[in-house]
Amino acid sequence: LGSPERCFTAAQRRAIQLRDGTCIIPGCKIPAAMTEIHHVIPHSEGGPTHTDNGVCLCWWHHRYLAASGWAIRMVRGAVQIMAPPWLETGARKWRNVTKSRTRLTDAVERKNG
């Protein structure tokens, strides 16, 4: 699901929206249909326009991501996020983030295994 272009295709956007469900920042309730797709590794730094490098962010979080201190990474196609130092006391850690019904169901099934 990659593209040589900088902008995500409609199919890529739908796949990312289904995976993420809403803006990925915890507490943000903006639905995926109203989000922008953010390159986790910036396109200018060689980041691919691929579903494994895109996440849903609302307009506000997309514009102020760098200034806010949130960190985002992808691990085998799954989104992980780290809260900014001003929000999380103690050791900061990466957390899996998804609001996708499919991924949440998979996680429950693995846990109840």
PDB file of N, CA and C in Angstrom:
ATOM      1  N   LEU A   1       0.820  -1.204   0.000  1.00  0.00           N
ATOM      2  CA  LEU A   1       0.000   0.000   0.000  1.00  0.00           C
ATOM      3  C   LEU A   1       0.856   1.257   0.000  1.00  0.00           C
ATOM      4  N   GLY A   2       1.877   1.261  -0.836  1.00  0.00           N
ATOM      5  CA  GLY A   2       2.745   2.428  -0.934  1.00  0.00           C
ATOM      6  C   GLY A   2       2.450   3.247  -2.170  1.00  0.00           C
ATOM      7  N   SER A   3       2.985   4.447  -2.208  1.00  0.00           N
ATOM      8  CA  SER A   3       2.811   5.353  -3.337  1.00  0.00           C
ATOM      9  C   SER A   3       4.079   6.165  -3.501  1.00  0.00           C
ATOM     10  N   PRO A   4       4.511   6.405  -4.747  1.00  0.00           N
ATOM     11  CA  PRO A   4       5.721   7.219  -4.949  1.00  0.00           C
ATOM     12  C   PRO A   4       5.466   8.709  -4.703  1.00  0.00           C
ATOM     13  N   GLU A   5       4.218   9.106  -4.615  1.00  0.00           N
ATOM     14  CA  GLU A   5       3.849  10.515  -4.425  1.00  0.00           C
ATOM     15  C   GLU A   5       3.978  10.930  -2.964  1.00  0.00           C
ATOM     16  N   ARG A   6       3.977  12.219  -2.698  1.00  0.00           N
ATOM     17  CA  ARG A   6       4.036  12.745  -1.334  1.00  0.00           C
ATOM     18  C   ARG A   6       2.693  12.606  -0.621  1.00  0.00           C
ATOM     19  N   CYS A   7       1.599  12.814  -1.349  1.00  0.00           N
ATOM     20  CA  CYS A   7       0.264  12.762  -0.739  1.00  0.00           C
ATOM     21  C   CYS A   7      -0.270  11.338  -0.738  1.00  0.00           C
ATOM     22  N   PHE A   8      -0.952  10.988   0.338  1.00  0.00           N
ATOM     23  CA  PHE A   8      -1.559   9.662   0.444  1.00  0.00           C
ATOM     24  C   PHE A   8      -2.735   9.552  -0.515  1.00  0.00           C
ATOM     25  N   THR A   9      -2.893   8.375  -1.122  1.00  0.00           N
ATOM     26  CA  THR A   9      -4.015   8.144  -2.030  1.00  0.00           C
ATOM     27  C   THR A   9      -5.300   7.954  -1.225  1.00  0.00           C
ATOM     28  N   ALA A  10      -6.429   7.976  -1.902  1.00  0.00           N
ATOM     29  CA  ALA A  10      -7.720   7.772  -1.229  1.00  0.00           C
ATOM     30  C   ALA A  10      -7.772   6.398  -0.559  1.00  0.00           C
ATOM     31  N   ALA A  11      -7.248   5.377  -1.226  1.00  0.00           N
ATOM     32  CA  ALA A  11      -7.258   4.024  -0.651  1.00  0.00           C
ATOM     33  C   ALA A  11      -6.365   3.953   0.586  1.00  0.00           C
ATOM     34  N   GLN A  12      -5.197   4.573   0.537  1.00  0.00           N
ATOM     35  CA  GLN A  12      -4.314   4.593   1.696  1.00  0.00           C
ATOM     36  C   GLN A  12      -4.972   5.327   2.860  1.00  0.00           C
ATOM     37  N   ARG A  13      -5.593   6.449   2.548  1.00  0.00           N
ATOM     38  CA  ARG A  13      -6.264   7.244   3.577  1.00  0.00           C
ATOM     39  C   ARG A  13      -7.355   6.426   4.265  1.00  0.00           C
ATOM     40  N   ARG A  14      -8.162   5.714   3.475  1.00  0.00           N
ATOM     41  CA  ARG A  14      -9.229   4.874   4.061  1.00  0.00           C
ATOM     42  C   ARG A  14      -8.645   3.792   4.962  1.00  0.00           C
ATOM     43  N   ALA A  15      -7.577   3.161   4.517  1.00  0.00           N
ATOM     44  CA  ALA A  15      -6.952   2.098   5.321  1.00  0.00           C
ATOM     45  C   ALA A  15      -6.422   2.653   6.647  1.00  0.00           C
ATOM     46  N   ILE A  16      -5.780   3.809   6.605  1.00  0.00           N
ATOM     47  CA  ILE A  16      -5.244   4.433   7.824  1.00  0.00           C
ATOM     48  C   ILE A  16      -6.382   4.864   8.742  1.00  0.00           C
ATOM     49  N   GLN A  17      -7.436   5.421   8.171  1.00  0.00           N
ATOM     50  CA  GLN A  17      -8.595   5.842   8.971  1.00  0.00           C
ATOM     51  C   GLN A  17      -9.258   4.654   9.658  1.00  0.00           C
ATOM     52  N   LEU A  18      -9.379   3.541   8.954  1.00  0.00           N
ATOM     53  CA  LEU A  18      -9.962   2.339   9.562  1.00  0.00           C
ATOM     54  C   LEU A  18      -9.084   1.813  10.689  1.00  0.00           C
ATOM     55  N   ARG A  19      -7.780   1.861  10.493  1.00  0.00           N
ATOM     56  CA  ARG A  19      -6.859   1.388  11.526  1.00  0.00           C
ATOM     57  C   ARG A  19      -6.899   2.289  12.766  1.00  0.00           C
ATOM     58  N   ASP A  20      -6.861   3.613  12.567  1.00  0.00           N
ATOM     59  CA  ASP A  20      -6.730   4.536  13.693  1.00  0.00           C
ATOM     60  C   ASP A  20      -8.060   4.921  14.340  1.00  0.00           C
ATOM     61  N   GLY A  21      -9.115   5.025  13.570  1.00  0.00           N
ATOM     62  CA  GLY A  21     -10.442   5.333  14.123  1.00  0.00           C
ATOM     63  C   GLY A  21     -10.703   6.794  14.403  1.00  0.00           C
ATOM     64  N   THR A  22      -9.759   7.487  15.044  1.00  0.00           N
ATOM     65  CA  THR A  22      -9.870   8.927  15.342  1.00  0.00           C
ATOM     66  C   THR A  22      -8.457   9.504  15.304  1.00  0.00           C
ATOM     67  N   CYS A  23      -8.335  10.768  15.653  1.00  0.00           N
ATOM     68  CA  CYS A  23      -7.013  11.365  15.865  1.00  0.00           C
ATOM     69  C   CYS A  23      -6.318  10.498  16.912  1.00  0.00           C
ATOM     70  N   ILE A  24      -5.046  10.166  16.693  1.00  0.00           N
ATOM     71  CA  ILE A  24      -4.365   9.213  17.578  1.00  0.00           C
ATOM     72  C   ILE A  24      -3.930   9.801  18.920  1.00  0.00           C
ATOM     73  N   ILE A  25      -3.990  11.106  19.088  1.00  0.00           N
ATOM     74  CA  ILE A  25      -3.585  11.708  20.357  1.00  0.00           C
ATOM     75  C   ILE A  25      -4.624  11.337  21.417  1.00  0.00           C
ATOM     76  N   PRO A  26      -4.180  10.736  22.530  1.00  0.00           N
ATOM     77  CA  PRO A  26      -5.123  10.314  23.565  1.00  0.00           C
ATOM     78  C   PRO A  26      -6.013  11.461  24.041  1.00  0.00           C
ATOM     79  N   GLY A  27      -7.302  11.168  24.140  1.00  0.00           N
ATOM     80  CA  GLY A  27      -8.277  12.156  24.584  1.00  0.00           C
ATOM     81  C   GLY A  27      -8.901  12.951  23.462  1.00  0.00           C
ATOM     82  N   CYS A  28      -8.306  12.934  22.276  1.00  0.00           N
ATOM     83  CA  CYS A  28      -8.860  13.670  21.138  1.00  0.00           C
ATOM     84  C   CYS A  28      -9.936  12.807  20.487  1.00  0.00           C
ATOM     85  N   LYS A  29     -11.105  13.353  20.317  1.00  0.00           N
ATOM     86  CA  LYS A  29     -12.243  12.591  19.806  1.00  0.00           C
ATOM     87  C   LYS A  29     -12.597  12.920  18.350  1.00  0.00           C
ATOM     88  N   ILE A  30     -11.726  13.630  17.642  1.00  0.00           N
ATOM     89  CA  ILE A  30     -12.013  13.994  16.256  1.00  0.00           C
ATOM     90  C   ILE A  30     -12.056  12.711  15.423  1.00  0.00           C
ATOM     91  N   PRO A  31     -13.186  12.441  14.738  1.00  0.00           N
ATOM     92  CA  PRO A  31     -13.290  11.203  13.960  1.00  0.00           C
ATOM     93  C   PRO A  31     -12.313  11.177  12.788  1.00  0.00           C
ATOM     94  N   ALA A  32     -11.933   9.969  12.413  1.00  0.00           N
ATOM     95  CA  ALA A  32     -10.943   9.777  11.348  1.00  0.00           C
ATOM     96  C   ALA A  32     -11.319  10.499  10.059  1.00  0.00           C
ATOM     97  N   ALA A  33     -12.598  10.551   9.736  1.00  0.00           N
ATOM     98  CA  ALA A  33     -13.032  11.204   8.499  1.00  0.00           C
ATOM     99  C   ALA A  33     -12.698  12.691   8.480  1.00  0.00           C
ATOM    100  N   MET A  34     -12.459  13.268   9.648  1.00  0.00           N
ATOM    101  CA  MET A  34     -12.165  14.700   9.735  1.00  0.00           C
ATOM    102  C   MET A  34     -10.686  14.968  10.032  1.00  0.00           C
ATOM    103  N   THR A  35      -9.836  13.948   9.895  1.00  0.00           N
ATOM    104  CA  THR A  35      -8.419  14.109  10.210  1.00  0.00           C
ATOM    105  C   THR A  35      -7.581  14.287   8.951  1.00  0.00           C
ATOM    106  N   GLU A  36      -6.330  14.633   9.178  1.00  0.00           N
ATOM    107  CA  GLU A  36      -5.327  14.684   8.119  1.00  0.00           C
ATOM    108  C   GLU A  36      -4.380  13.508   8.338  1.00  0.00           C
ATOM    109  N   ILE A  37      -3.725  13.057   7.292  1.00  0.00           N
ATOM    110  CA  ILE A  37      -2.774  11.951   7.427  1.00  0.00           C
ATOM    111  C   ILE A  37      -1.371  12.538   7.555  1.00  0.00           C
ATOM    112  N   HIS A  38      -0.701  12.130   8.609  1.00  0.00           N
ATOM    113  CA  HIS A  38       0.636  12.636   8.944  1.00  0.00           C
ATOM    114  C   HIS A  38       1.684  11.574   8.625  1.00  0.00           C
ATOM    115  N   HIS A  39       2.760  11.972   7.949  1.00  0.00           N
ATOM    116  CA  HIS A  39       3.905  11.080   7.733  1.00  0.00           C
ATOM    117  C   HIS A  39       4.666  10.977   9.052  1.00  0.00           C
ATOM    118  N   VAL A  40       4.790   9.781   9.621  1.00  0.00           N
ATOM    119  CA  VAL A  40       5.524   9.600  10.872  1.00  0.00           C
ATOM    120  C   VAL A  40       6.999   9.939  10.639  1.00  0.00           C
ATOM    121  N   ILE A  41       7.597   9.352   9.639  1.00  0.00           N
ATOM    122  CA  ILE A  41       8.926   9.777   9.179  1.00  0.00           C
ATOM    123  C   ILE A  41       8.643  10.752   8.042  1.00  0.00           C
ATOM    124  N   PRO A  42       9.010  12.015   8.199  1.00  0.00           N
ATOM    125  CA  PRO A  42       8.661  13.013   7.188  1.00  0.00           C
ATOM    126  C   PRO A  42       9.097  12.632   5.778  1.00  0.00           C
ATOM    127  N   HIS A  43       8.270  12.971   4.821  1.00  0.00           N
ATOM    128  CA  HIS A  43       8.576  12.703   3.424  1.00  0.00           C
ATOM    129  C   HIS A  43       9.892  13.362   3.032  1.00  0.00           C
ATOM    130  N   SER A  44      10.151  14.545   3.566  1.00  0.00           N
ATOM    131  CA  SER A  44      11.383  15.282   3.257  1.00  0.00           C
ATOM    132  C   SER A  44      12.633  14.568   3.773  1.00  0.00           C
ATOM    133  N   GLU A  45      12.449  13.643   4.718  1.00  0.00           N
ATOM    134  CA  GLU A  45      13.572  12.877   5.262  1.00  0.00           C
ATOM    135  C   GLU A  45      13.593  11.453   4.718  1.00  0.00           C
ATOM    136  N   GLY A  46      12.861  11.233   3.632  1.00  0.00           N
ATOM    137  CA  GLY A  46      12.849   9.922   2.992  1.00  0.00           C
ATOM    138  C   GLY A  46      11.749   8.997   3.468  1.00  0.00           C
ATOM    139  N   GLY A  47      10.844   9.499   4.301  1.00  0.00           N
ATOM    140  CA  GLY A  47       9.731   8.688   4.780  1.00  0.00           C
ATOM    141  C   GLY A  47       8.798   8.326   3.636  1.00  0.00           C
ATOM    142  N   PRO A  48       8.434   7.061   3.526  1.00  0.00           N
ATOM    143  CA  PRO A  48       7.582   6.640   2.416  1.00  0.00           C
ATOM    144  C   PRO A  48       6.121   7.065   2.600  1.00  0.00           C
ATOM    145  N   THR A  49       5.443   7.238   1.491  1.00  0.00           N
ATOM    146  CA  THR A  49       4.008   7.473   1.524  1.00  0.00           C
ATOM    147  C   THR A  49       3.371   6.088   1.484  1.00  0.00           C
ATOM    148  N   HIS A  50       3.274   5.502   2.669  1.00  0.00           N
ATOM    149  CA  HIS A  50       2.816   4.119   2.844  1.00  0.00           C
ATOM    150  C   HIS A  50       1.939   4.076   4.081  1.00  0.00           C
ATOM    151  N   THR A  51       0.991   3.151   4.115  1.00  0.00           N
ATOM    152  CA  THR A  51       0.095   3.053   5.266  1.00  0.00           C
ATOM    153  C   THR A  51       0.847   2.787   6.572  1.00  0.00           C
ATOM    154  N   ASP A  52       2.017   2.169   6.494  1.00  0.00           N
ATOM    155  CA  ASP A  52       2.818   1.914   7.690  1.00  0.00           C
ATOM    156  C   ASP A  52       3.606   3.136   8.134  1.00  0.00           C
ATOM    157  N   ASN A  53       3.446   4.258   7.440  1.00  0.00           N
ATOM    158  CA  ASN A  53       4.132   5.498   7.809  1.00  0.00           C
ATOM    159  C   ASN A  53       3.152   6.663   7.927  1.00  0.00           C
ATOM    160  N   GLY A  54       1.866   6.364   8.002  1.00  0.00           N
ATOM    161  CA  GLY A  54       0.866   7.424   8.106  1.00  0.00           C
ATOM    162  C   GLY A  54      -0.044   7.207   9.296  1.00  0.00           C
ATOM    163  N   VAL A  55      -0.433   8.298   9.954  1.00  0.00           N
ATOM    164  CA  VAL A  55      -1.360   8.240  11.082  1.00  0.00           C
ATOM    165  C   VAL A  55      -2.373   9.371  10.960  1.00  0.00           C
ATOM    166  N   CYS A  56      -3.525   9.187  11.596  1.00  0.00           N
ATOM    167  CA  CYS A  56      -4.566  10.213  11.619  1.00  0.00           C
ATOM    168  C   CYS A  56      -4.286  11.223  12.721  1.00  0.00           C
ATOM    169  N   LEU A  57      -4.251  12.487  12.348  1.00  0.00           N
ATOM    170  CA  LEU A  57      -4.147  13.573  13.317  1.00  0.00           C
ATOM    171  C   LEU A  57      -5.174  14.644  12.947  1.00  0.00           C
ATOM    172  N   CYS A  58      -5.839  15.191  13.961  1.00  0.00           N
ATOM    173  CA  CYS A  58      -6.760  16.296  13.696  1.00  0.00           C
ATOM    174  C   CYS A  58      -5.925  17.507  13.263  1.00  0.00           C
ATOM    175  N   TRP A  59      -6.588  18.510  12.732  1.00  0.00           N
ATOM    176  CA  TRP A  59      -5.887  19.692  12.230  1.00  0.00           C
ATOM    177  C   TRP A  59      -4.986  20.287  13.307  1.00  0.00           C
ATOM    178  N   TRP A  60      -5.511  20.463  14.516  1.00  0.00           N
ATOM    179  CA  TRP A  60      -4.753  21.115  15.586  1.00  0.00           C
ATOM    180  C   TRP A  60      -3.525  20.298  15.957  1.00  0.00           C
ATOM    181  N   HIS A  61      -3.689  19.008  16.218  1.00  0.00           N
ATOM    182  CA  HIS A  61      -2.544  18.182  16.600  1.00  0.00           C
ATOM    183  C   HIS A  61      -1.524  18.055  15.470  1.00  0.00           C
ATOM    184  N   HIS A  62      -1.992  18.058  14.223  1.00  0.00           N
ATOM    185  CA  HIS A  62      -1.073  17.972  13.090  1.00  0.00           C
ATOM    186  C   HIS A  62      -0.214  19.230  13.011  1.00  0.00           C
ATOM    187  N   ARG A  63      -0.803  20.397  13.211  1.00  0.00           N
ATOM    188  CA  ARG A  63      -0.069  21.656  13.115  1.00  0.00           C
ATOM    189  C   ARG A  63       0.906  21.855  14.276  1.00  0.00           C
ATOM    190  N   TYR A  64       0.543  21.401  15.463  1.00  0.00           N
ATOM    191  CA  TYR A  64       1.331  21.686  16.660  1.00  0.00           C
ATOM    192  C   TYR A  64       2.039  20.466  17.241  1.00  0.00           C
ATOM    193  N   LEU A  65       2.182  19.410  16.443  1.00  0.00           N
ATOM    194  CA  LEU A  65       2.790  18.165  16.920  1.00  0.00           C
ATOM    195  C   LEU A  65       4.199  18.402  17.466  1.00  0.00           C
ATOM    196  N   ALA A  66       5.042  19.069  16.720  1.00  0.00           N
ATOM    197  CA  ALA A  66       6.432  19.284  17.146  1.00  0.00           C
ATOM    198  C   ALA A  66       6.493  20.136  18.414  1.00  0.00           C
ATOM    199  N   ALA A  67       5.690  21.168  18.496  1.00  0.00           N
ATOM    200  CA  ALA A  67       5.710  22.064  19.656  1.00  0.00           C
ATOM    201  C   ALA A  67       5.080  21.424  20.892  1.00  0.00           C
ATOM    202  N   SER A  68       4.170  20.466  20.684  1.00  0.00           N
ATOM    203  CA  SER A  68       3.449  19.876  21.813  1.00  0.00           C
ATOM    204  C   SER A  68       4.287  18.845  22.575  1.00  0.00           C
ATOM    205  N   GLY A  69       5.258  18.240  21.922  1.00  0.00           N
ATOM    206  CA  GLY A  69       6.111  17.268  22.588  1.00  0.00           C
ATOM    207  C   GLY A  69       5.694  15.813  22.415  1.00  0.00           C
ATOM    208  N   TRP A  70       4.563  15.553  21.755  1.00  0.00           N
ATOM    209  CA  TRP A  70       4.154  14.166  21.506  1.00  0.00           C
ATOM    210  C   TRP A  70       5.130  13.536  20.524  1.00  0.00           C
ATOM    211  N   ALA A  71       5.470  12.274  20.736  1.00  0.00           N
ATOM    212  CA  ALA A  71       6.337  11.525  19.821  1.00  0.00           C
ATOM    213  C   ALA A  71       5.534  10.351  19.270  1.00  0.00           C
ATOM    214  N   ILE A  72       5.698  10.087  17.978  1.00  0.00           N
ATOM    215  CA  ILE A  72       4.955   9.013  17.308  1.00  0.00           C
ATOM    216  C   ILE A  72       5.954   8.132  16.576  1.00  0.00           C
ATOM    217  N   ARG A  73       5.712   6.826  16.629  1.00  0.00           N
ATOM    218  CA  ARG A  73       6.508   5.887  15.841  1.00  0.00           C
ATOM    219  C   ARG A  73       5.611   4.732  15.423  1.00  0.00           C
ATOM    220  N   MET A  74       6.090   4.008  14.423  1.00  0.00           N
ATOM    221  CA  MET A  74       5.387   2.827  13.940  1.00  0.00           C
ATOM    222  C   MET A  74       6.249   1.607  14.236  1.00  0.00           C
ATOM    223  N   VAL A  75       5.611   0.548  14.743  1.00  0.00           N
ATOM    224  CA  VAL A  75       6.298  -0.711  15.002  1.00  0.00           C
ATOM    225  C   VAL A  75       5.495  -1.811  14.314  1.00  0.00           C
ATOM    226  N   ARG A  76       6.054  -2.350  13.222  1.00  0.00           N
ATOM    227  CA  ARG A  76       5.396  -3.402  12.440  1.00  0.00           C
ATOM    228  C   ARG A  76       3.954  -3.025  12.090  1.00  0.00           C
ATOM    229  N   GLY A  77       3.756  -1.783  11.650  1.00  0.00           N
ATOM    230  CA  GLY A  77       2.438  -1.335  11.210  1.00  0.00           C
ATOM    231  C   GLY A  77       1.515  -0.877  12.317  1.00  0.00           C
ATOM    232  N   ALA A  78       1.973  -0.924  13.563  1.00  0.00           N
ATOM    233  CA  ALA A  78       1.152  -0.485  14.698  1.00  0.00           C
ATOM    234  C   ALA A  78       1.668   0.857  15.212  1.00  0.00           C
ATOM    235  N   VAL A  79       0.747   1.745  15.533  1.00  0.00           N
ATOM    236  CA  VAL A  79       1.095   3.079  16.006  1.00  0.00           C
ATOM    237  C   VAL A  79       1.458   3.034  17.488  1.00  0.00           C
ATOM    238  N   GLN A  80       2.558   3.689  17.827  1.00  0.00           N
ATOM    239  CA  GLN A  80       2.921   3.877  19.231  1.00  0.00           C
ATOM    240  C   GLN A  80       3.141   5.367  19.463  1.00  0.00           C
ATOM    241  N   ILE A  81       2.813   5.810  20.677  1.00  0.00           N
ATOM    242  CA  ILE A  81       2.907   7.222  21.001  1.00  0.00           C
ATOM    243  C   ILE A  81       3.554   7.393  22.367  1.00  0.00           C
ATOM    244  N   MET A  82       4.295   8.491  22.530  1.00  0.00           N
ATOM    245  CA  MET A  82       4.900   8.828  23.816  1.00  0.00           C
ATOM    246  C   MET A  82       4.438  10.232  24.196  1.00  0.00           C
ATOM    247  N   ALA A  83       3.911  10.348  25.409  1.00  0.00           N
ATOM    248  CA  ALA A  83       3.417  11.637  25.895  1.00  0.00           C
ATOM    249  C   ALA A  83       4.574  12.609  26.096  1.00  0.00           C
ATOM    250  N   PRO A  84       4.285  13.907  26.010  1.00  0.00           N
ATOM    251  CA  PRO A  84       5.338  14.898  26.235  1.00  0.00           C
ATOM    252  C   PRO A  84       5.786  14.904  27.697  1.00  0.00           C
ATOM    253  N   PRO A  85       7.018  15.367  27.951  1.00  0.00           N
ATOM    254  CA  PRO A  85       7.544  15.347  29.316  1.00  0.00           C
ATOM    255  C   PRO A  85       6.717  16.175  30.299  1.00  0.00           C
ATOM    256  N   TRP A  86       6.074  17.224  29.825  1.00  0.00           N
ATOM    257  CA  TRP A  86       5.277  18.060  30.726  1.00  0.00           C
ATOM    258  C   TRP A  86       3.972  17.386  31.147  1.00  0.00           C
ATOM    259  N   LEU A  87       3.585  16.339  30.443  1.00  0.00           N
ATOM    260  CA  LEU A  87       2.332  15.653  30.740  1.00  0.00           C
ATOM    261  C   LEU A  87       2.542  14.369  31.540  1.00  0.00           C
ATOM    262  N   GLU A  88       3.663  13.721  31.320  1.00  0.00           N
ATOM    263  CA  GLU A  88       3.927  12.429  31.956  1.00  0.00           C
ATOM    264  C   GLU A  88       5.091  12.563  32.933  1.00  0.00           C
ATOM    265  N   THR A  89       4.813  12.332  34.198  1.00  0.00           N
ATOM    266  CA  THR A  89       5.884  12.405  35.193  1.00  0.00           C
ATOM    267  C   THR A  89       6.627  11.071  35.239  1.00  0.00           C
ATOM    268  N   GLY A  90       7.871  11.133  35.633  1.00  0.00           N
ATOM    269  CA  GLY A  90       8.663   9.908  35.692  1.00  0.00           C
ATOM    270  C   GLY A  90       9.181   9.516  34.323  1.00  0.00           C
ATOM    271  N   ALA A  91       9.486   8.243  34.190  1.00  0.00           N
ATOM    272  CA  ALA A  91      10.037   7.732  32.933  1.00  0.00           C
ATOM    273  C   ALA A  91       8.962   7.728  31.846  1.00  0.00           C
ATOM    274  N   ARG A  92       9.291   8.331  30.718  1.00  0.00           N
ATOM    275  CA  ARG A  92       8.370   8.322  29.581  1.00  0.00           C
ATOM    276  C   ARG A  92       8.469   6.958  28.915  1.00  0.00           C
ATOM    277  N   LYS A  93       7.334   6.464  28.399  1.00  0.00           N
ATOM    278  CA  LYS A  93       7.371   5.168  27.717  1.00  0.00           C
ATOM    279  C   LYS A  93       6.448   5.190  26.505  1.00  0.00           C
ATOM    280  N   TRP A  94       6.765   4.327  25.564  1.00  0.00           N
ATOM    281  CA  TRP A  94       5.963   4.187  24.357  1.00  0.00           C
ATOM    282  C   TRP A  94       4.726   3.363  24.681  1.00  0.00           C
ATOM    283  N   ARG A  95       3.582   3.785  24.132  1.00  0.00           N
ATOM    284  CA  ARG A  95       2.316   3.068  24.336  1.00  0.00           C
ATOM    285  C   ARG A  95       1.669   2.790  22.980  1.00  0.00           C
ATOM    286  N   ASN A  96       1.090   1.593  22.863  1.00  0.00           N
ATOM    287  CA  ASN A  96       0.324   1.286  21.661  1.00  0.00           C
ATOM    288  C   ASN A  96      -0.939   2.124  21.665  1.00  0.00           C
ATOM    289  N   VAL A  97      -1.281   2.646  20.513  1.00  0.00           N
ATOM    290  CA  VAL A  97      -2.468   3.484  20.400  1.00  0.00           C
ATOM    291  C   VAL A  97      -3.305   2.974  19.240  1.00  0.00           C
ATOM    292  N   THR A  98      -4.527   2.609  19.527  1.00  0.00           N
ATOM    293  CA  THR A  98      -5.463   2.292  18.462  1.00  0.00           C
ATOM    294  C   THR A  98      -6.873   2.432  18.991  1.00  0.00           C
ATOM    295  N   LYS A  99      -7.740   2.853  18.115  1.00  0.00           N
ATOM    296  CA  LYS A  99      -9.161   2.904  18.439  1.00  0.00           C
ATOM    297  C   LYS A  99      -9.924   2.073  17.412  1.00  0.00           C
ATOM    298  N   SER A 100      -9.155   1.319  16.626  1.00  0.00           N
ATOM    299  CA  SER A 100      -9.725   0.453  15.600  1.00  0.00           C
ATOM    300  C   SER A 100     -10.417  -0.737  16.255  1.00  0.00           C
ATOM    301  N   ARG A 101     -11.653  -0.978  15.906  1.00  0.00           N
ATOM    302  CA  ARG A 101     -12.394  -2.109  16.480  1.00  0.00           C
ATOM    303  C   ARG A 101     -11.701  -3.430  16.186  1.00  0.00           C
ATOM    304  N   THR A 102     -11.136  -3.563  14.994  1.00  0.00           N
ATOM    305  CA  THR A 102     -10.461  -4.801  14.615  1.00  0.00           C
ATOM    306  C   THR A 102      -9.240  -5.044  15.494  1.00  0.00           C
ATOM    307  N   ARG A 103      -8.389  -4.038  15.654  1.00  0.00           N
ATOM    308  CA  ARG A 103      -7.185  -4.202  16.476  1.00  0.00           C
ATOM    309  C   ARG A 103      -7.530  -4.387  17.943  1.00  0.00           C
ATOM    310  N   LEU A 104      -8.559  -3.703  18.435  1.00  0.00           N
ATOM    311  CA  LEU A 104      -8.966  -3.866  19.829  1.00  0.00           C
ATOM    312  C   LEU A 104      -9.494  -5.276  20.072  1.00  0.00           C
ATOM    313  N   THR A 105     -10.275  -5.810  19.132  1.00  0.00           N
ATOM    314  CA  THR A 105     -10.780  -7.175  19.247  1.00  0.00           C
ATOM    315  C   THR A 105      -9.630  -8.168  19.243  1.00  0.00           C
ATOM    316  N   ASP A 106      -8.645  -7.964  18.352  1.00  0.00           N
ATOM    317  CA  ASP A 106      -7.470  -8.836  18.304  1.00  0.00           C
ATOM    318  C   ASP A 106      -6.718  -8.812  19.630  1.00  0.00           C
ATOM    319  N   ALA A 107      -6.562  -7.630  20.224  1.00  0.00           N
ATOM    320  CA  ALA A 107      -5.840  -7.517  21.498  1.00  0.00           C
ATOM    321  C   ALA A 107      -6.570  -8.249  22.609  1.00  0.00           C
ATOM    322  N   VAL A 108      -7.893  -8.152  22.652  1.00  0.00           N
ATOM    323  CA  VAL A 108      -8.677  -8.845  23.675  1.00  0.00           C
ATOM    324  C   VAL A 108      -8.539 -10.355  23.489  1.00  0.00           C
ATOM    325  N   GLU A 109      -8.596 -10.831  22.253  1.00  0.00           N
ATOM    326  CA  GLU A 109      -8.476 -12.259  21.994  1.00  0.00           C
ATOM    327  C   GLU A 109      -7.099 -12.781  22.381  1.00  0.00           C
ATOM    328  N   ARG A 110      -6.037 -11.988  22.137  1.00  0.00           N
ATOM    329  CA  ARG A 110      -4.688 -12.405  22.544  1.00  0.00           C
ATOM    330  C   ARG A 110      -4.578 -12.456  24.054  1.00  0.00           C
ATOM    331  N   LYS A 111      -5.161 -11.472  24.733  1.00  0.00           N
ATOM    332  CA  LYS A 111      -5.090 -11.393  26.176  1.00  0.00           C
ATOM    333  C   LYS A 111      -5.845 -12.565  26.831  1.00  0.00           C
ATOM    334  N   ASN A 112      -7.008 -12.902  26.285  1.00  0.00           N
ATOM    335  CA  ASN A 112      -7.837 -13.988  26.841  1.00  0.00           C
ATOM    336  C   ASN A 112      -7.398 -15.343  26.333  1.00  0.00           C
ATOM    337  N   GLY A 113      -6.509 -15.339  25.300  1.00  0.00           N
ATOM    338  CA  GLY A 113      -5.930 -16.447  24.629  1.00  0.00           C
ATOM    339  C   GLY A 113      -6.256 -17.787  24.975  1.00  0.00           C
TER     340      GLY A 113
END
